[in-house]
Amino acid sequence: MKAEKFLLELEDILEKMGYTVRKERGSFKGGYCLLEGEKIIMLNKNQPADYLVGVITRFLYEHDHDTSPDDIFIKPAVRKLINERVKTTRSIAEQRQQSERQQEIHKST
């Protein structure tokens, strides 16, 4: 599935979960905010679709939500892509942490 199509699917999931998705231009990376009680996901139009997919995927599985992604219907192919993306993101984060620990050990010796 192309990144643009995947992004549209993720935006639909967010809307089902009660979030408003806003795409704006600017010098921000994107993320979540609460504005006068409205749950908003801000996406930067200047960023490539693949980057925005990462922003949404991390948001879905790194934050607590009133409605869990597991509680709504998500097309099996989309859920599979989300799970693969989360797995990759977690693996990269673990490698980064391990590298930082090794650097700390190396500095202390």
PDB file of N, CA and C in Angstrom:
ATOM      1  N   MET A   1       0.851  -1.174   0.000  1.00  0.00           N
ATOM      2  CA  MET A   1       0.000   0.000   0.000  1.00  0.00           C
ATOM      3  C   MET A   1       0.897   1.237   0.000  1.00  0.00           C
ATOM      4  N   LYS A   2       0.587   2.182  -0.852  1.00  0.00           N
ATOM      5  CA  LYS A   2       1.375   3.406  -0.933  1.00  0.00           C
ATOM      6  C   LYS A   2       1.172   4.250   0.322  1.00  0.00           C
ATOM      7  N   ALA A   3       2.183   5.029   0.647  1.00  0.00           N
ATOM      8  CA  ALA A   3       2.156   5.841   1.865  1.00  0.00           C
ATOM      9  C   ALA A   3       0.958   6.793   1.889  1.00  0.00           C
ATOM     10  N   GLU A   4       0.614   7.375   0.755  1.00  0.00           N
ATOM     11  CA  GLU A   4      -0.513   8.313   0.703  1.00  0.00           C
ATOM     12  C   GLU A   4      -1.827   7.621   1.054  1.00  0.00           C
ATOM     13  N   LYS A   5      -2.029   6.411   0.526  1.00  0.00           N
ATOM     14  CA  LYS A   5      -3.242   5.640   0.818  1.00  0.00           C
ATOM     15  C   LYS A   5      -3.256   5.201   2.287  1.00  0.00           C
ATOM     16  N   PHE A   6      -2.108   4.761   2.777  1.00  0.00           N
ATOM     17  CA  PHE A   6      -1.983   4.354   4.179  1.00  0.00           C
ATOM     18  C   PHE A   6      -2.290   5.535   5.086  1.00  0.00           C
ATOM     19  N   LEU A   7      -1.798   6.709   4.726  1.00  0.00           N
ATOM     20  CA  LEU A   7      -2.054   7.916   5.513  1.00  0.00           C
ATOM     21  C   LEU A   7      -3.552   8.206   5.590  1.00  0.00           C
ATOM     22  N   LEU A   8      -4.248   8.078   4.489  1.00  0.00           N
ATOM     23  CA  LEU A   8      -5.698   8.302   4.491  1.00  0.00           C
ATOM     24  C   LEU A   8      -6.414   7.306   5.403  1.00  0.00           C
ATOM     25  N   GLU A   9      -5.971   6.056   5.374  1.00  0.00           N
ATOM     26  CA  GLU A   9      -6.566   5.029   6.247  1.00  0.00           C
ATOM     27  C   GLU A   9      -6.332   5.378   7.721  1.00  0.00           C
ATOM     28  N   LEU A  10      -5.124   5.835   8.040  1.00  0.00           N
ATOM     29  CA  LEU A  10      -4.809   6.203   9.418  1.00  0.00           C
ATOM     30  C   LEU A  10      -5.617   7.416   9.869  1.00  0.00           C
ATOM     31  N   GLU A  11      -5.790   8.374   8.983  1.00  0.00           N
ATOM     32  CA  GLU A  11      -6.600   9.546   9.310  1.00  0.00           C
ATOM     33  C   GLU A  11      -8.036   9.124   9.607  1.00  0.00           C
ATOM     34  N   ASP A  12      -8.555   8.174   8.846  1.00  0.00           N
ATOM     35  CA  ASP A  12      -9.899   7.662   9.075  1.00  0.00           C
ATOM     36  C   ASP A  12      -9.996   6.988  10.454  1.00  0.00           C
ATOM     37  N   ILE A  13      -8.976   6.234  10.814  1.00  0.00           N
ATOM     38  CA  ILE A  13      -8.945   5.578  12.125  1.00  0.00           C
ATOM     39  C   ILE A  13      -8.973   6.633  13.234  1.00  0.00           C
ATOM     40  N   LEU A  14      -8.162   7.670  13.086  1.00  0.00           N
ATOM     41  CA  LEU A  14      -8.133   8.738  14.092  1.00  0.00           C
ATOM     42  C   LEU A  14      -9.501   9.387  14.247  1.00  0.00           C
ATOM     43  N   GLU A  15     -10.158   9.632  13.135  1.00  0.00           N
ATOM     44  CA  GLU A  15     -11.485  10.249  13.195  1.00  0.00           C
ATOM     45  C   GLU A  15     -12.488   9.338  13.891  1.00  0.00           C
ATOM     46  N   LYS A  16     -12.404   8.027  13.644  1.00  0.00           N
ATOM     47  CA  LYS A  16     -13.276   7.072  14.328  1.00  0.00           C
ATOM     48  C   LYS A  16     -13.015   7.072  15.832  1.00  0.00           C
ATOM     49  N   MET A  17     -11.787   7.409  16.210  1.00  0.00           N
ATOM     50  CA  MET A  17     -11.413   7.445  17.624  1.00  0.00           C
ATOM     51  C   MET A  17     -11.748   8.785  18.269  1.00  0.00           C
ATOM     52  N   GLY A  18     -12.311   9.712  17.502  1.00  0.00           N
ATOM     53  CA  GLY A  18     -12.749  10.979  18.069  1.00  0.00           C
ATOM     54  C   GLY A  18     -11.770  12.128  17.918  1.00  0.00           C
ATOM     55  N   TYR A  19     -10.758  11.973  17.089  1.00  0.00           N
ATOM     56  CA  TYR A  19      -9.776  13.036  16.875  1.00  0.00           C
ATOM     57  C   TYR A  19     -10.107  13.808  15.605  1.00  0.00           C
ATOM     58  N   THR A  20      -9.767  15.086  15.619  1.00  0.00           N
ATOM     59  CA  THR A  20      -9.853  15.920  14.423  1.00  0.00           C
ATOM     60  C   THR A  20      -8.460  15.973  13.823  1.00  0.00           C
ATOM     61  N   VAL A  21      -8.355  15.675  12.548  1.00  0.00           N
ATOM     62  CA  VAL A  21      -7.058  15.702  11.862  1.00  0.00           C
ATOM     63  C   VAL A  21      -6.971  17.014  11.090  1.00  0.00           C
ATOM     64  N   ARG A  22      -5.916  17.776  11.395  1.00  0.00           N
ATOM     65  CA  ARG A  22      -5.693  19.038  10.688  1.00  0.00           C
ATOM     66  C   ARG A  22      -4.341  18.995  10.009  1.00  0.00           C
ATOM     67  N   LYS A  23      -4.345  19.387   8.740  1.00  0.00           N
ATOM     68  CA  LYS A  23      -3.096  19.462   7.985  1.00  0.00           C
ATOM     69  C   LYS A  23      -2.802  20.934   7.720  1.00  0.00           C
ATOM     70  N   GLU A  24      -1.662  21.366   8.190  1.00  0.00           N
ATOM     71  CA  GLU A  24      -1.260  22.766   8.045  1.00  0.00           C
ATOM     72  C   GLU A  24       0.182  22.813   7.574  1.00  0.00           C
ATOM     73  N   ARG A  25       0.562  23.941   7.035  1.00  0.00           N
ATOM     74  CA  ARG A  25       1.960  24.183   6.685  1.00  0.00           C
ATOM     75  C   ARG A  25       2.607  24.926   7.836  1.00  0.00           C
ATOM     76  N   GLY A  26       3.889  24.681   8.036  1.00  0.00           N
ATOM     77  CA  GLY A  26       4.592  25.386   9.094  1.00  0.00           C
ATOM     78  C   GLY A  26       5.912  24.736   9.413  1.00  0.00           C
ATOM     79  N   SER A  27       6.495  25.163  10.504  1.00  0.00           N
ATOM     80  CA  SER A  27       7.806  24.648  10.910  1.00  0.00           C
ATOM     81  C   SER A  27       7.676  23.726  12.119  1.00  0.00           C
ATOM     82  N   PHE A  28       6.656  22.908  12.146  1.00  0.00           N
ATOM     83  CA  PHE A  28       6.442  21.954  13.233  1.00  0.00           C
ATOM     84  C   PHE A  28       6.494  20.540  12.669  1.00  0.00           C
ATOM     85  N   LYS A  29       6.728  19.585  13.544  1.00  0.00           N
ATOM     86  CA  LYS A  29       6.832  18.192  13.098  1.00  0.00           C
ATOM     87  C   LYS A  29       5.475  17.502  13.040  1.00  0.00           C
ATOM     88  N   GLY A  30       4.593  17.869  13.921  1.00  0.00           N
ATOM     89  CA  GLY A  30       3.273  17.245  13.966  1.00  0.00           C
ATOM     90  C   GLY A  30       3.077  16.520  15.274  1.00  0.00           C
ATOM     91  N   GLY A  31       1.833  16.379  15.663  1.00  0.00           N
ATOM     92  CA  GLY A  31       1.532  15.678  16.898  1.00  0.00           C
ATOM     93  C   GLY A  31       0.146  16.006  17.402  1.00  0.00           C
ATOM     94  N   TYR A  32      -0.066  15.728  18.689  1.00  0.00           N
ATOM     95  CA  TYR A  32      -1.367  15.818  19.330  1.00  0.00           C
ATOM     96  C   TYR A  32      -1.461  17.073  20.178  1.00  0.00           C
ATOM     97  N   CYS A  33      -2.654  17.659  20.178  1.00  0.00           N
ATOM     98  CA  CYS A  33      -2.918  18.744  21.119  1.00  0.00           C
ATOM     99  C   CYS A  33      -4.394  18.720  21.490  1.00  0.00           C
ATOM    100  N   LEU A  34      -4.696  19.370  22.589  1.00  0.00           N
ATOM    101  CA  LEU A  34      -6.068  19.492  23.065  1.00  0.00           C
ATOM    102  C   LEU A  34      -6.388  20.978  23.054  1.00  0.00           C
ATOM    103  N   LEU A  35      -7.375  21.377  22.268  1.00  0.00           N
ATOM    104  CA  LEU A  35      -7.712  22.781  22.112  1.00  0.00           C
ATOM    105  C   LEU A  35      -9.182  22.969  22.458  1.00  0.00           C
ATOM    106  N   GLU A  36      -9.427  23.639  23.571  1.00  0.00           N
ATOM    107  CA  GLU A  36     -10.793  23.884  24.041  1.00  0.00           C
ATOM    108  C   GLU A  36     -11.620  22.600  24.054  1.00  0.00           C
ATOM    109  N   GLY A  37     -11.034  21.530  24.554  1.00  0.00           N
ATOM    110  CA  GLY A  37     -11.720  20.252  24.677  1.00  0.00           C
ATOM    111  C   GLY A  37     -11.748  19.415  23.415  1.00  0.00           C
ATOM    112  N   GLU A  38     -11.252  19.949  22.301  1.00  0.00           N
ATOM    113  CA  GLU A  38     -11.229  19.200  21.052  1.00  0.00           C
ATOM    114  C   GLU A  38      -9.883  18.510  20.888  1.00  0.00           C
ATOM    115  N   LYS A  39      -9.910  17.204  20.623  1.00  0.00           N
ATOM    116  CA  LYS A  39      -8.692  16.421  20.435  1.00  0.00           C
ATOM    117  C   LYS A  39      -8.234  16.570  18.985  1.00  0.00           C
ATOM    118  N   ILE A  40      -7.044  17.141  18.795  1.00  0.00           N
ATOM    119  CA  ILE A  40      -6.577  17.462  17.456  1.00  0.00           C
ATOM    120  C   ILE A  40      -5.229  16.800  17.186  1.00  0.00           C
ATOM    121  N   ILE A  41      -5.109  16.247  16.008  1.00  0.00           N
ATOM    122  CA  ILE A  41      -3.831  15.749  15.511  1.00  0.00           C
ATOM    123  C   ILE A  41      -3.394  16.721  14.427  1.00  0.00           C
ATOM    124  N   MET A  42      -2.260  17.357  14.651  1.00  0.00           N
ATOM    125  CA  MET A  42      -1.727  18.304  13.670  1.00  0.00           C
ATOM    126  C   MET A  42      -0.692  17.594  12.809  1.00  0.00           C
ATOM    127  N   LEU A  43      -0.871  17.688  11.503  1.00  0.00           N
ATOM    128  CA  LEU A  43       0.074  17.110  10.554  1.00  0.00           C
ATOM    129  C   LEU A  43       0.623  18.235   9.684  1.00  0.00           C
ATOM    130  N   ASN A  44       1.913  18.217   9.461  1.00  0.00           N
ATOM    131  CA  ASN A  44       2.559  19.238   8.655  1.00  0.00           C
ATOM    132  C   ASN A  44       2.505  18.836   7.175  1.00  0.00           C
ATOM    133  N   LYS A  45       1.821  19.639   6.380  1.00  0.00           N
ATOM    134  CA  LYS A  45       1.693  19.359   4.946  1.00  0.00           C
ATOM    135  C   LYS A  45       3.049  19.332   4.237  1.00  0.00           C
ATOM    136  N   ASN A  46       4.049  19.979   4.824  1.00  0.00           N
ATOM    137  CA  ASN A  46       5.370  20.032   4.201  1.00  0.00           C
ATOM    138  C   ASN A  46       6.147  18.721   4.352  1.00  0.00           C
ATOM    139  N   GLN A  47       5.696  17.856   5.246  1.00  0.00           N
ATOM    140  CA  GLN A  47       6.377  16.586   5.484  1.00  0.00           C
ATOM    141  C   GLN A  47       5.874  15.525   4.494  1.00  0.00           C
ATOM    142  N   PRO A  48       6.731  14.584   4.100  1.00  0.00           N
ATOM    143  CA  PRO A  48       6.280  13.514   3.203  1.00  0.00           C
ATOM    144  C   PRO A  48       5.275  12.586   3.897  1.00  0.00           C
ATOM    145  N   ALA A  49       4.446  11.942   3.095  1.00  0.00           N
ATOM    146  CA  ALA A  49       3.403  11.057   3.623  1.00  0.00           C
ATOM    147  C   ALA A  49       3.975   9.976   4.529  1.00  0.00           C
ATOM    148  N   ASP A  50       5.126   9.417   4.171  1.00  0.00           N
ATOM    149  CA  ASP A  50       5.714   8.355   4.982  1.00  0.00           C
ATOM    150  C   ASP A  50       6.060   8.853   6.391  1.00  0.00           C
ATOM    151  N   TYR A  51       6.535  10.082   6.480  1.00  0.00           N
ATOM    152  CA  TYR A  51       6.842  10.673   7.791  1.00  0.00           C
ATOM    153  C   TYR A  51       5.554  10.838   8.607  1.00  0.00           C
ATOM    154  N   LEU A  52       4.489  11.326   7.965  1.00  0.00           N
ATOM    155  CA  LEU A  52       3.220  11.538   8.658  1.00  0.00           C
ATOM    156  C   LEU A  52       2.621  10.213   9.123  1.00  0.00           C
ATOM    157  N   VAL A  53       2.817   9.171   8.337  1.00  0.00           N
ATOM    158  CA  VAL A  53       2.382   7.833   8.750  1.00  0.00           C
ATOM    159  C   VAL A  53       3.076   7.460  10.062  1.00  0.00           C
ATOM    160  N   GLY A  54       4.362   7.756  10.157  1.00  0.00           N
ATOM    161  CA  GLY A  54       5.105   7.470  11.379  1.00  0.00           C
ATOM    162  C   GLY A  54       4.594   8.265  12.568  1.00  0.00           C
ATOM    163  N   VAL A  55       4.267   9.526  12.351  1.00  0.00           N
ATOM    164  CA  VAL A  55       3.729  10.378  13.422  1.00  0.00           C
ATOM    165  C   VAL A  55       2.439   9.766  13.970  1.00  0.00           C
ATOM    166  N   ILE A  56       1.549   9.389  13.066  1.00  0.00           N
ATOM    167  CA  ILE A  56       0.263   8.836  13.496  1.00  0.00           C
ATOM    168  C   ILE A  56       0.432   7.470  14.147  1.00  0.00           C
ATOM    169  N   THR A  57       1.241   6.623  13.560  1.00  0.00           N
ATOM    170  CA  THR A  57       1.435   5.277  14.107  1.00  0.00           C
ATOM    171  C   THR A  57       1.988   5.340  15.527  1.00  0.00           C
ATOM    172  N   ARG A  58       3.007   6.163  15.729  1.00  0.00           N
ATOM    173  CA  ARG A  58       3.556   6.305  17.082  1.00  0.00           C
ATOM    174  C   ARG A  58       2.497   6.835  18.029  1.00  0.00           C
ATOM    175  N   PHE A  59       1.733   7.805  17.584  1.00  0.00           N
ATOM    176  CA  PHE A  59       0.682   8.371  18.431  1.00  0.00           C
ATOM    177  C   PHE A  59      -0.342   7.307  18.834  1.00  0.00           C
ATOM    178  N   LEU A  60      -0.744   6.483  17.889  1.00  0.00           N
ATOM    179  CA  LEU A  60      -1.754   5.466  18.170  1.00  0.00           C
ATOM    180  C   LEU A  60      -1.324   4.503  19.266  1.00  0.00           C
ATOM    181  N   TYR A  61      -0.047   4.160  19.295  1.00  0.00           N
ATOM    182  CA  TYR A  61       0.383   3.117  20.223  1.00  0.00           C
ATOM    183  C   TYR A  61       1.277   3.602  21.356  1.00  0.00           C
ATOM    184  N   GLU A  62       1.511   4.898  21.448  1.00  0.00           N
ATOM    185  CA  GLU A  62       2.328   5.404  22.550  1.00  0.00           C
ATOM    186  C   GLU A  62       1.546   6.291  23.503  1.00  0.00           C
ATOM    187  N   HIS A  63       0.261   6.499  23.242  1.00  0.00           N
ATOM    188  CA  HIS A  63      -0.567   7.351  24.093  1.00  0.00           C
ATOM    189  C   HIS A  63      -1.813   6.596  24.521  1.00  0.00           C
ATOM    190  N   ASP A  64      -2.368   7.023  25.654  1.00  0.00           N
ATOM    191  CA  ASP A  64      -3.649   6.477  26.088  1.00  0.00           C
ATOM    192  C   ASP A  64      -4.758   7.224  25.355  1.00  0.00           C
ATOM    193  N   HIS A  65      -5.790   6.509  24.984  1.00  0.00           N
ATOM    194  CA  HIS A  65      -6.899   7.096  24.243  1.00  0.00           C
ATOM    195  C   HIS A  65      -8.206   6.693  24.901  1.00  0.00           C
ATOM    196  N   ASP A  66      -9.241   7.520  24.705  1.00  0.00           N
ATOM    197  CA  ASP A  66     -10.574   7.158  25.182  1.00  0.00           C
ATOM    198  C   ASP A  66     -11.065   5.900  24.461  1.00  0.00           C
ATOM    199  N   THR A  67     -10.743   5.807  23.190  1.00  0.00           N
ATOM    200  CA  THR A  67     -11.076   4.643  22.369  1.00  0.00           C
ATOM    201  C   THR A  67      -9.773   4.054  21.855  1.00  0.00           C
ATOM    202  N   SER A  68      -9.543   2.797  22.117  1.00  0.00           N
ATOM    203  CA  SER A  68      -8.316   2.132  21.692  1.00  0.00           C
ATOM    204  C   SER A  68      -8.413   1.740  20.222  1.00  0.00           C
ATOM    205  N   PRO A  69      -7.286   1.763  19.498  1.00  0.00           N
ATOM    206  CA  PRO A  69      -7.302   1.261  18.123  1.00  0.00           C
ATOM    207  C   PRO A  69      -7.745  -0.205  18.052  1.00  0.00           C
ATOM    208  N   ASP A  70      -7.571  -0.922  19.149  1.00  0.00           N
ATOM    209  CA  ASP A  70      -7.971  -2.327  19.186  1.00  0.00           C
ATOM    210  C   ASP A  70      -9.484  -2.489  19.304  1.00  0.00           C
ATOM    211  N   ASP A  71     -10.189  -1.399  19.680  1.00  0.00           N
ATOM    212  CA  ASP A  71     -11.631  -1.468  19.889  1.00  0.00           C
ATOM    213  C   ASP A  71     -12.454  -1.065  18.669  1.00  0.00           C
ATOM    214  N   ILE A  72     -11.794  -0.661  17.592  1.00  0.00           N
ATOM    215  CA  ILE A  72     -12.528  -0.265  16.393  1.00  0.00           C
ATOM    216  C   ILE A  72     -12.114  -1.157  15.225  1.00  0.00           C
ATOM    217  N   PHE A  73     -12.978  -1.211  14.222  1.00  0.00           N
ATOM    218  CA  PHE A  73     -12.645  -2.024  13.056  1.00  0.00           C
ATOM    219  C   PHE A  73     -11.582  -1.310  12.238  1.00  0.00           C
ATOM    220  N   ILE A  74     -10.523  -2.037  11.960  1.00  0.00           N
ATOM    221  CA  ILE A  74      -9.461  -1.572  11.068  1.00  0.00           C
ATOM    222  C   ILE A  74      -9.261  -2.683  10.048  1.00  0.00           C
ATOM    223  N   LYS A  75      -9.215  -2.312   8.790  1.00  0.00           N
ATOM    224  CA  LYS A  75      -9.019  -3.306   7.738  1.00  0.00           C
ATOM    225  C   LYS A  75      -7.793  -4.157   8.075  1.00  0.00           C
ATOM    226  N   PRO A  76      -7.886  -5.471   7.900  1.00  0.00           N
ATOM    227  CA  PRO A  76      -6.762  -6.346   8.254  1.00  0.00           C
ATOM    228  C   PRO A  76      -5.433  -5.940   7.616  1.00  0.00           C
ATOM    229  N   ALA A  77      -5.448  -5.541   6.363  1.00  0.00           N
ATOM    230  CA  ALA A  77      -4.199  -5.137   5.696  1.00  0.00           C
ATOM    231  C   ALA A  77      -3.618  -3.884   6.346  1.00  0.00           C
ATOM    232  N   VAL A  78      -4.480  -2.964   6.754  1.00  0.00           N
ATOM    233  CA  VAL A  78      -4.024  -1.735   7.409  1.00  0.00           C
ATOM    234  C   VAL A  78      -3.490  -2.058   8.799  1.00  0.00           C
ATOM    235  N   ARG A  79      -4.202  -2.907   9.538  1.00  0.00           N
ATOM    236  CA  ARG A  79      -3.736  -3.291  10.885  1.00  0.00           C
ATOM    237  C   ARG A  79      -2.372  -3.972  10.795  1.00  0.00           C
ATOM    238  N   LYS A  80      -2.188  -4.802   9.779  1.00  0.00           N
ATOM    239  CA  LYS A  80      -0.903  -5.481   9.595  1.00  0.00           C
ATOM    240  C   LYS A  80       0.213  -4.453   9.359  1.00  0.00           C
ATOM    241  N   LEU A  81      -0.045  -3.473   8.508  1.00  0.00           N
ATOM    242  CA  LEU A  81       0.960  -2.428   8.249  1.00  0.00           C
ATOM    243  C   LEU A  81       1.265  -1.626   9.510  1.00  0.00           C
ATOM    244  N   ILE A  82       0.231  -1.322  10.288  1.00  0.00           N
ATOM    245  CA  ILE A  82       0.433  -0.588  11.539  1.00  0.00           C
ATOM    246  C   ILE A  82       1.324  -1.402  12.468  1.00  0.00           C
ATOM    247  N   ASN A  83       0.999  -2.683  12.623  1.00  0.00           N
ATOM    248  CA  ASN A  83       1.786  -3.537  13.524  1.00  0.00           C
ATOM    249  C   ASN A  83       3.233  -3.651  13.071  1.00  0.00           C
ATOM    250  N   GLU A  84       3.442  -3.756  11.763  1.00  0.00           N
ATOM    251  CA  GLU A  84       4.818  -3.809  11.238  1.00  0.00           C
ATOM    252  C   GLU A  84       5.555  -2.511  11.534  1.00  0.00           C
ATOM    253  N   ARG A  85       4.863  -1.404  11.358  1.00  0.00           N
ATOM    254  CA  ARG A  85       5.469  -0.096  11.599  1.00  0.00           C
ATOM    255  C   ARG A  85       5.824   0.080  13.076  1.00  0.00           C
ATOM    256  N   VAL A  86       4.904  -0.327  13.955  1.00  0.00           N
ATOM    257  CA  VAL A  86       5.153  -0.231  15.396  1.00  0.00           C
ATOM    258  C   VAL A  86       6.344  -1.108  15.782  1.00  0.00           C
ATOM    259  N   LYS A  87       6.387  -2.312  15.255  1.00  0.00           N
ATOM    260  CA  LYS A  87       7.483  -3.236  15.553  1.00  0.00           C
ATOM    261  C   LYS A  87       8.821  -2.635  15.118  1.00  0.00           C
ATOM    262  N   THR A  88       8.859  -2.068  13.922  1.00  0.00           N
ATOM    263  CA  THR A  88      10.084  -1.443  13.419  1.00  0.00           C
ATOM    264  C   THR A  88      10.484  -0.259  14.283  1.00  0.00           C
ATOM    265  N   THR A  89       9.519   0.575  14.636  1.00  0.00           N
ATOM    266  CA  THR A  89       9.791   1.756  15.464  1.00  0.00           C
ATOM    267  C   THR A  89      10.340   1.351  16.820  1.00  0.00           C
ATOM    268  N   ARG A  90       9.740   0.332  17.426  1.00  0.00           N
ATOM    269  CA  ARG A  90      10.214  -0.133  18.738  1.00  0.00           C
ATOM    270  C   ARG A  90      11.622  -0.710  18.625  1.00  0.00           C
ATOM    271  N   SER A  91      11.893  -1.435  17.553  1.00  0.00           N
ATOM    272  CA  SER A  91      13.211  -2.022  17.348  1.00  0.00           C
ATOM    273  C   SER A  91      14.267  -0.927  17.214  1.00  0.00           C
ATOM    274  N   ILE A  92      13.959   0.113  16.461  1.00  0.00           N
ATOM    275  CA  ILE A  92      14.893   1.230  16.299  1.00  0.00           C
ATOM    276  C   ILE A  92      15.125   1.923  17.634  1.00  0.00           C
ATOM    277  N   ALA A  93      14.058   2.132  18.395  1.00  0.00           N
ATOM    278  CA  ALA A  93      14.188   2.779  19.707  1.00  0.00           C
ATOM    279  C   ALA A  93      15.044   1.937  20.647  1.00  0.00           C
ATOM    280  N   GLU A  94      14.851   0.623  20.634  1.00  0.00           N
ATOM    281  CA  GLU A  94      15.644  -0.259  21.483  1.00  0.00           C
ATOM    282  C   GLU A  94      17.116  -0.230  21.081  1.00  0.00           C
ATOM    283  N   GLN A  95      17.387  -0.215  19.782  1.00  0.00           N
ATOM    284  CA  GLN A  95      18.773  -0.142  19.301  1.00  0.00           C
ATOM    285  C   GLN A  95      19.410   1.174  19.720  1.00  0.00           C
ATOM    286  N   ARG A  96      18.665   2.256  19.638  1.00  0.00           N
ATOM    287  CA  ARG A  96      19.175   3.572  20.032  1.00  0.00           C
ATOM    288  C   ARG A  96      19.502   3.586  21.532  1.00  0.00           C
ATOM    289  N   GLN A  97      18.597   3.039  22.344  1.00  0.00           N
ATOM    290  CA  GLN A  97      18.833   2.979  23.786  1.00  0.00           C
ATOM    291  C   GLN A  97      20.055   2.133  24.115  1.00  0.00           C
ATOM    292  N   GLN A  98      20.191   1.009  23.431  1.00  0.00           N
ATOM    293  CA  GLN A  98      21.332   0.128  23.662  1.00  0.00           C
ATOM    294  C   GLN A  98      22.629   0.844  23.283  1.00  0.00           C
ATOM    295  N   SER A  99      22.624   1.556  22.196  1.00  0.00           N
ATOM    296  CA  SER A  99      23.793   2.308  21.757  1.00  0.00           C
ATOM    297  C   SER A  99      24.154   3.392  22.770  1.00  0.00           C
ATOM    298  N   GLU A 100      23.138   4.090  23.276  1.00  0.00           N
ATOM    299  CA  GLU A 100      23.378   5.133  24.280  1.00  0.00           C
ATOM    300  C   GLU A 100      23.954   4.538  25.557  1.00  0.00           C
ATOM    301  N   ARG A 101      23.448   3.376  25.969  1.00  0.00           N
ATOM    302  CA  ARG A 101      23.986   2.711  27.167  1.00  0.00           C
ATOM    303  C   ARG A 101      25.449   2.336  26.974  1.00  0.00           C
ATOM    304  N   GLN A 102      25.769   1.817  25.782  1.00  0.00           N
ATOM    305  CA  GLN A 102      27.153   1.437  25.496  1.00  0.00           C
ATOM    306  C   GLN A 102      28.057   2.657  25.500  1.00  0.00           C
ATOM    307  N   GLN A 103      27.577   3.772  24.992  1.00  0.00           N
ATOM    308  CA  GLN A 103      28.367   4.999  25.003  1.00  0.00           C
ATOM    309  C   GLN A 103      28.608   5.476  26.429  1.00  0.00           C
ATOM    310  N   GLU A 104      27.589   5.373  27.277  1.00  0.00           N
ATOM    311  CA  GLU A 104      27.727   5.768  28.676  1.00  0.00           C
ATOM    312  C   GLU A 104      28.754   4.881  29.382  1.00  0.00           C
ATOM    313  N   ILE A 105      28.696   3.581  29.116  1.00  0.00           N
ATOM    314  CA  ILE A 105      29.647   2.645  29.727  1.00  0.00           C
ATOM    315  C   ILE A 105      31.053   2.973  29.240  1.00  0.00           C
ATOM    316  N   HIS A 106      31.193   3.249  27.969  1.00  0.00           N
ATOM    317  CA  HIS A 106      32.486   3.563  27.397  1.00  0.00           C
ATOM    318  C   HIS A 106      33.051   4.855  27.989  1.00  0.00           C
ATOM    319  N   LYS A 107      32.190   5.852  28.212  1.00  0.00           N
ATOM    320  CA  LYS A 107      32.638   7.133  28.787  1.00  0.00           C
ATOM    321  C   LYS A 107      33.095   6.975  30.233  1.00  0.00           C
ATOM    322  N   SER A 108      32.431   6.067  30.954  1.00  0.00           N
ATOM    323  CA  SER A 108      32.745   5.912  32.377  1.00  0.00           C
ATOM    324  C   SER A 108      33.994   5.063  32.615  1.00  0.00           C
ATOM    325  N   THR A 109      34.514   4.409  31.594  1.00  0.00           N
ATOM    326  CA  THR A 109      35.708   3.589  31.786  1.00  0.00           C
ATOM    327  C   THR A 109      36.961   4.312  31.390  1.00  0.00           C
TER     328      THR A 109
END
